[in-house]
């Protein structure tokens, strides 16, 4: 596999990997697909927000 650009993040979150496997399944209904896409987007959004957050000491 070729090296990825530095701005590409590959998630290894086990819940995300499980949901992607379910999404790829041929037996997944359209309703399940919609729900899985929503759940995947939530996980990716949380990862993106967590990466951008920093802890700042206030001294109190």
PDB file of N, CA and C in Angstrom:
ATOM      1  N   UNK A   1       0.847  -1.182   0.000  1.00  0.00           N
ATOM      2  CA  UNK A   1       0.000   0.000   0.000  1.00  0.00           C
ATOM      3  C   UNK A   1       0.887   1.238   0.000  1.00  0.00           C
ATOM      4  N   UNK A   2       0.540   2.208  -0.809  1.00  0.00           N
ATOM      5  CA  UNK A   2       1.304   3.450  -0.896  1.00  0.00           C
ATOM      6  C   UNK A   2       1.111   4.275   0.370  1.00  0.00           C
ATOM      7  N   UNK A   3       2.104   5.094   0.664  1.00  0.00           N
ATOM      8  CA  UNK A   3       2.018   5.967   1.836  1.00  0.00           C
ATOM      9  C   UNK A   3       0.911   6.996   1.618  1.00  0.00           C
ATOM     10  N   UNK A   4       0.178   7.264   2.678  1.00  0.00           N
ATOM     11  CA  UNK A   4      -0.918   8.230   2.601  1.00  0.00           C
ATOM     12  C   UNK A   4      -0.396   9.634   2.875  1.00  0.00           C
ATOM     13  N   UNK A   5      -1.052  10.650   2.330  1.00  0.00           N
ATOM     14  CA  UNK A   5      -0.651  12.029   2.619  1.00  0.00           C
ATOM     15  C   UNK A   5      -0.806  12.327   4.109  1.00  0.00           C
ATOM     16  N   UNK A   6      -0.075  13.307   4.620  1.00  0.00           N
ATOM     17  CA  UNK A   6      -0.128  13.603   6.055  1.00  0.00           C
ATOM     18  C   UNK A   6      -1.494  14.092   6.546  1.00  0.00           C
ATOM     19  N   UNK A   7      -2.337  14.580   5.650  1.00  0.00           N
ATOM     20  CA  UNK A   7      -3.647  15.083   6.072  1.00  0.00           C
ATOM     21  C   UNK A   7      -4.737  14.009   6.049  1.00  0.00           C
ATOM     22  N   UNK A   8      -4.358  12.743   5.843  1.00  0.00           N
ATOM     23  CA  UNK A   8      -5.313  11.635   5.832  1.00  0.00           C
ATOM     24  C   UNK A   8      -5.195  10.870   7.146  1.00  0.00           C
ATOM     25  N   UNK A   9      -6.339  10.652   7.796  1.00  0.00           N
ATOM     26  CA  UNK A   9      -6.374   9.904   9.049  1.00  0.00           C
ATOM     27  C   UNK A   9      -7.129   8.602   8.813  1.00  0.00           C
ATOM     28  N   UNK A  10      -6.533   7.490   9.188  1.00  0.00           N
ATOM     29  CA  UNK A  10      -7.187   6.191   9.081  1.00  0.00           C
ATOM     30  C   UNK A  10      -7.601   5.775  10.484  1.00  0.00           C
ATOM     31  N   UNK A  11      -8.897   5.697  10.701  1.00  0.00           N
ATOM     32  CA  UNK A  11      -9.408   5.350  12.020  1.00  0.00           C
ATOM     33  C   UNK A  11      -9.279   3.855  12.265  1.00  0.00           C
ATOM     34  N   UNK A  12      -8.872   3.514  13.479  1.00  0.00           N
ATOM     35  CA  UNK A  12      -8.780   2.111  13.875  1.00  0.00           C
ATOM     36  C   UNK A  12      -9.766   1.803  14.996  1.00  0.00           C
ATOM     37  N   UNK A  13     -10.752   2.676  15.176  1.00  0.00           N
ATOM     38  CA  UNK A  13     -11.742   2.506  16.239  1.00  0.00           C
ATOM     39  C   UNK A  13     -12.536   1.223  15.969  1.00  0.00           C
ATOM     40  N   UNK A  14     -12.588   0.307  16.947  1.00  0.00           N
ATOM     41  CA  UNK A  14     -13.265  -0.978  16.711  1.00  0.00           C
ATOM     42  C   UNK A  14     -14.753  -0.847  16.392  1.00  0.00           C
ATOM     43  N   UNK A  15     -15.437   0.111  16.998  1.00  0.00           N
ATOM     44  CA  UNK A  15     -16.868   0.299  16.699  1.00  0.00           C
ATOM     45  C   UNK A  15     -17.049   0.759  15.256  1.00  0.00           C
ATOM     46  N   UNK A  16     -16.182   1.646  14.810  1.00  0.00           N
ATOM     47  CA  UNK A  16     -16.258   2.141  13.441  1.00  0.00           C
ATOM     48  C   UNK A  16     -15.993   1.003  12.454  1.00  0.00           C
ATOM     49  N   UNK A  17     -15.006   0.188  12.733  1.00  0.00           N
ATOM     50  CA  UNK A  17     -14.700  -0.938  11.847  1.00  0.00           C
ATOM     51  C   UNK A  17     -15.868  -1.922  11.776  1.00  0.00           C
ATOM     52  N   UNK A  18     -16.527  -2.170  12.899  1.00  0.00           N
ATOM     53  CA  UNK A  18     -17.677  -3.080  12.919  1.00  0.00           C
ATOM     54  C   UNK A  18     -18.833  -2.508  12.100  1.00  0.00           C
ATOM     55  N   UNK A  19     -19.085  -1.215  12.249  1.00  0.00           N
ATOM     56  CA  UNK A  19     -20.185  -0.579  11.511  1.00  0.00           C
ATOM     57  C   UNK A  19     -19.892  -0.544  10.011  1.00  0.00           C
ATOM     58  N   UNK A  20     -18.636  -0.343   9.641  1.00  0.00           N
ATOM     59  CA  UNK A  20     -18.268  -0.374   8.226  1.00  0.00           C
ATOM     60  C   UNK A  20     -18.465  -1.772   7.644  1.00  0.00           C
ATOM     61  N   UNK A  21     -18.161  -2.791   8.421  1.00  0.00           N
ATOM     62  CA  UNK A  21     -18.387  -4.171   7.966  1.00  0.00           C
ATOM     63  C   UNK A  21     -19.874  -4.433   7.747  1.00  0.00           C
ATOM     64  N   UNK A  22     -20.703  -3.953   8.678  1.00  0.00           N
ATOM     65  CA  UNK A  22     -22.156  -4.105   8.529  1.00  0.00           C
ATOM     66  C   UNK A  22     -22.642  -3.358   7.293  1.00  0.00           C
ATOM     67  N   UNK A  23     -22.086  -2.171   7.052  1.00  0.00           N
ATOM     68  CA  UNK A  23     -22.493  -1.352   5.911  1.00  0.00           C
ATOM     69  C   UNK A  23     -22.149  -2.043   4.591  1.00  0.00           C
ATOM     70  N   UNK A  24     -21.030  -2.757   4.555  1.00  0.00           N
ATOM     71  CA  UNK A  24     -20.595  -3.456   3.338  1.00  0.00           C
ATOM     72  C   UNK A  24     -21.410  -4.719   3.052  1.00  0.00           C
ATOM     73  N   UNK A  25     -22.099  -5.226   4.053  1.00  0.00           N
ATOM     74  CA  UNK A  25     -22.844  -6.473   3.901  1.00  0.00           C
ATOM     75  C   UNK A  25     -23.971  -6.325   2.881  1.00  0.00           C
ATOM     76  N   UNK A  26     -24.106  -7.319   2.028  1.00  0.00           N
ATOM     77  CA  UNK A  26     -25.167  -7.302   1.014  1.00  0.00           C
ATOM     78  C   UNK A  26     -26.548  -7.442   1.637  1.00  0.00           C
ATOM     79  N   UNK A  27     -26.623  -7.968   2.854  1.00  0.00           N
ATOM     80  CA  UNK A  27     -27.923  -8.178   3.497  1.00  0.00           C
ATOM     81  C   UNK A  27     -28.404  -6.958   4.290  1.00  0.00           C
ATOM     82  N   UNK A  28     -27.649  -5.868   4.272  1.00  0.00           N
ATOM     83  CA  UNK A  28     -28.037  -4.663   5.007  1.00  0.00           C
ATOM     84  C   UNK A  28     -29.174  -3.957   4.275  1.00  0.00           C
ATOM     85  N   UNK A  29     -30.270  -3.701   4.988  1.00  0.00           N
ATOM     86  CA  UNK A  29     -31.426  -3.028   4.385  1.00  0.00           C
ATOM     87  C   UNK A  29     -31.142  -1.534   4.230  1.00  0.00           C
ATOM     88  N   UNK A  30     -31.994  -0.858   3.477  1.00  0.00           N
ATOM     89  CA  UNK A  30     -31.813   0.583   3.278  1.00  0.00           C
ATOM     90  C   UNK A  30     -31.993   1.346   4.591  1.00  0.00           C
ATOM     91  N   UNK A  31     -32.899   0.865   5.437  1.00  0.00           N
ATOM     92  CA  UNK A  31     -33.104   1.510   6.742  1.00  0.00           C
ATOM     93  C   UNK A  31     -31.851   1.363   7.613  1.00  0.00           C
ATOM     94  N   UNK A  32     -31.278   0.153   7.626  1.00  0.00           N
ATOM     95  CA  UNK A  32     -30.048  -0.085   8.391  1.00  0.00           C
ATOM     96  C   UNK A  32     -28.890   0.736   7.828  1.00  0.00           C
ATOM     97  N   UNK A  33     -28.834   0.866   6.502  1.00  0.00           N
ATOM     98  CA  UNK A  33     -27.784   1.658   5.865  1.00  0.00           C
ATOM     99  C   UNK A  33     -27.839   3.098   6.337  1.00  0.00           C
ATOM    100  N   UNK A  34     -29.034   3.667   6.359  1.00  0.00           N
ATOM    101  CA  UNK A  34     -29.202   5.052   6.806  1.00  0.00           C
ATOM    102  C   UNK A  34     -28.749   5.209   8.259  1.00  0.00           C
ATOM    103  N   UNK A  35     -29.137   4.274   9.118  1.00  0.00           N
ATOM    104  CA  UNK A  35     -28.757   4.323  10.529  1.00  0.00           C
ATOM    105  C   UNK A  35     -27.246   4.162  10.696  1.00  0.00           C
ATOM    106  N   UNK A  36     -26.662   3.232   9.950  1.00  0.00           N
ATOM    107  CA  UNK A  36     -25.216   3.007  10.039  1.00  0.00           C
ATOM    108  C   UNK A  36     -24.428   4.227   9.578  1.00  0.00           C
ATOM    109  N   UNK A  37     -24.870   4.864   8.501  1.00  0.00           N
ATOM    110  CA  UNK A  37     -24.189   6.069   8.016  1.00  0.00           C
ATOM    111  C   UNK A  37     -24.235   7.157   9.081  1.00  0.00           C
ATOM    112  N   UNK A  38     -25.368   7.301   9.747  1.00  0.00           N
ATOM    113  CA  UNK A  38     -25.495   8.287  10.826  1.00  0.00           C
ATOM    114  C   UNK A  38     -24.526   7.961  11.967  1.00  0.00           C
ATOM    115  N   UNK A  39     -24.476   6.703  12.378  1.00  0.00           N
ATOM    116  CA  UNK A  39     -23.598   6.292  13.476  1.00  0.00           C
ATOM    117  C   UNK A  39     -22.125   6.452  13.104  1.00  0.00           C
ATOM    118  N   UNK A  40     -21.774   6.117  11.870  1.00  0.00           N
ATOM    119  CA  UNK A  40     -20.395   6.269  11.398  1.00  0.00           C
ATOM    120  C   UNK A  40     -20.002   7.742  11.393  1.00  0.00           C
ATOM    121  N   UNK A  41     -20.897   8.595  10.913  1.00  0.00           N
ATOM    122  CA  UNK A  41     -20.619  10.035  10.894  1.00  0.00           C
ATOM    123  C   UNK A  41     -20.419  10.577  12.303  1.00  0.00           C
ATOM    124  N   UNK A  42     -21.188  10.081  13.258  1.00  0.00           N
ATOM    125  CA  UNK A  42     -21.045  10.515  14.651  1.00  0.00           C
ATOM    126  C   UNK A  42     -19.676  10.127  15.202  1.00  0.00           C
ATOM    127  N   UNK A  43     -19.252   8.907  14.955  1.00  0.00           N
ATOM    128  CA  UNK A  43     -17.945   8.449  15.442  1.00  0.00           C
ATOM    129  C   UNK A  43     -16.820   9.261  14.803  1.00  0.00           C
ATOM    130  N   UNK A  44     -16.893   9.465  13.494  1.00  0.00           N
ATOM    131  CA  UNK A  44     -15.859  10.232  12.797  1.00  0.00           C
ATOM    132  C   UNK A  44     -15.832  11.672  13.305  1.00  0.00           C
ATOM    133  N   UNK A  45     -17.017  12.245  13.522  1.00  0.00           N
ATOM    134  CA  UNK A  45     -17.089  13.609  14.054  1.00  0.00           C
ATOM    135  C   UNK A  45     -16.470  13.721  15.432  1.00  0.00           C
ATOM    136  N   UNK A  46     -16.737  12.748  16.281  1.00  0.00           N
ATOM    137  CA  UNK A  46     -16.147  12.748  17.636  1.00  0.00           C
ATOM    138  C   UNK A  46     -14.635  12.630  17.569  1.00  0.00           C
ATOM    139  N   UNK A  47     -14.130  11.775  16.693  1.00  0.00           N
ATOM    140  CA  UNK A  47     -12.679  11.641  16.544  1.00  0.00           C
ATOM    141  C   UNK A  47     -12.060  12.946  16.052  1.00  0.00           C
ATOM    142  N   UNK A  48     -12.711  13.592  15.105  1.00  0.00           N
ATOM    143  CA  UNK A  48     -12.183  14.846  14.562  1.00  0.00           C
ATOM    144  C   UNK A  48     -12.179  15.944  15.619  1.00  0.00           C
ATOM    145  N   UNK A  49     -13.258  16.028  16.390  1.00  0.00           N
ATOM    146  CA  UNK A  49     -13.322  17.045  17.444  1.00  0.00           C
ATOM    147  C   UNK A  49     -12.299  16.778  18.541  1.00  0.00           C
ATOM    148  N   UNK A  50     -12.141  15.525  18.922  1.00  0.00           N
ATOM    149  CA  UNK A  50     -11.200  15.180  19.990  1.00  0.00           C
ATOM    150  C   UNK A  50      -9.768  15.502  19.586  1.00  0.00           C
ATOM    151  N   UNK A  51      -9.451  15.307  18.330  1.00  0.00           N
ATOM    152  CA  UNK A  51      -8.095  15.576  17.855  1.00  0.00           C
ATOM    153  C   UNK A  51      -7.786  17.072  17.887  1.00  0.00           C
ATOM    154  N   UNK A  52      -8.803  17.901  17.689  1.00  0.00           N
ATOM    155  CA  UNK A  52      -8.601  19.344  17.650  1.00  0.00           C
ATOM    156  C   UNK A  52      -8.676  20.023  19.000  1.00  0.00           C
ATOM    157  N   UNK A  53      -9.104  19.300  20.030  1.00  0.00           N
ATOM    158  CA  UNK A  53      -9.234  19.892  21.358  1.00  0.00           C
ATOM    159  C   UNK A  53      -7.914  19.832  22.103  1.00  0.00           C
ATOM    160  N   UNK A  54      -7.702  20.826  22.949  1.00  0.00           N
ATOM    161  CA  UNK A  54      -6.514  20.815  23.797  1.00  0.00           C
ATOM    162  C   UNK A  54      -6.909  21.212  25.208  1.00  0.00           C
ATOM    163  N   UNK A  55      -6.132  20.761  26.175  1.00  0.00           N
ATOM    164  CA  UNK A  55      -6.388  21.075  27.577  1.00  0.00           C
ATOM    165  C   UNK A  55      -5.489  22.230  27.973  1.00  0.00           C
ATOM    166  N   UNK A  56      -6.099  23.218  28.594  1.00  0.00           N
ATOM    167  CA  UNK A  56      -5.350  24.401  28.998  1.00  0.00           C
ATOM    168  C   UNK A  56      -5.489  24.583  30.501  1.00  0.00           C
ATOM    169  N   UNK A  57      -4.368  24.685  31.194  1.00  0.00           N
ATOM    170  CA  UNK A  57      -4.370  24.900  32.642  1.00  0.00           C
ATOM    171  C   UNK A  57      -4.789  26.337  32.934  1.00  0.00           C
ATOM    172  N   UNK A  58      -5.713  26.500  33.886  1.00  0.00           N
ATOM    173  CA  UNK A  58      -6.159  27.849  34.242  1.00  0.00           C
ATOM    174  C   UNK A  58      -5.480  28.365  35.498  1.00  0.00           C
ATOM    175  N   UNK A  59      -4.819  27.497  36.218  1.00  0.00           N
ATOM    176  CA  UNK A  59      -4.103  27.917  37.410  1.00  0.00           C
ATOM    177  C   UNK A  59      -4.960  28.015  38.651  1.00  0.00           C
ATOM    178  N   UNK A  60      -6.192  27.535  38.607  1.00  0.00           N
ATOM    179  CA  UNK A  60      -7.060  27.600  39.786  1.00  0.00           C
ATOM    180  C   UNK A  60      -7.133  26.283  40.485  1.00  0.00           C
TER     181      UNK A  60
END
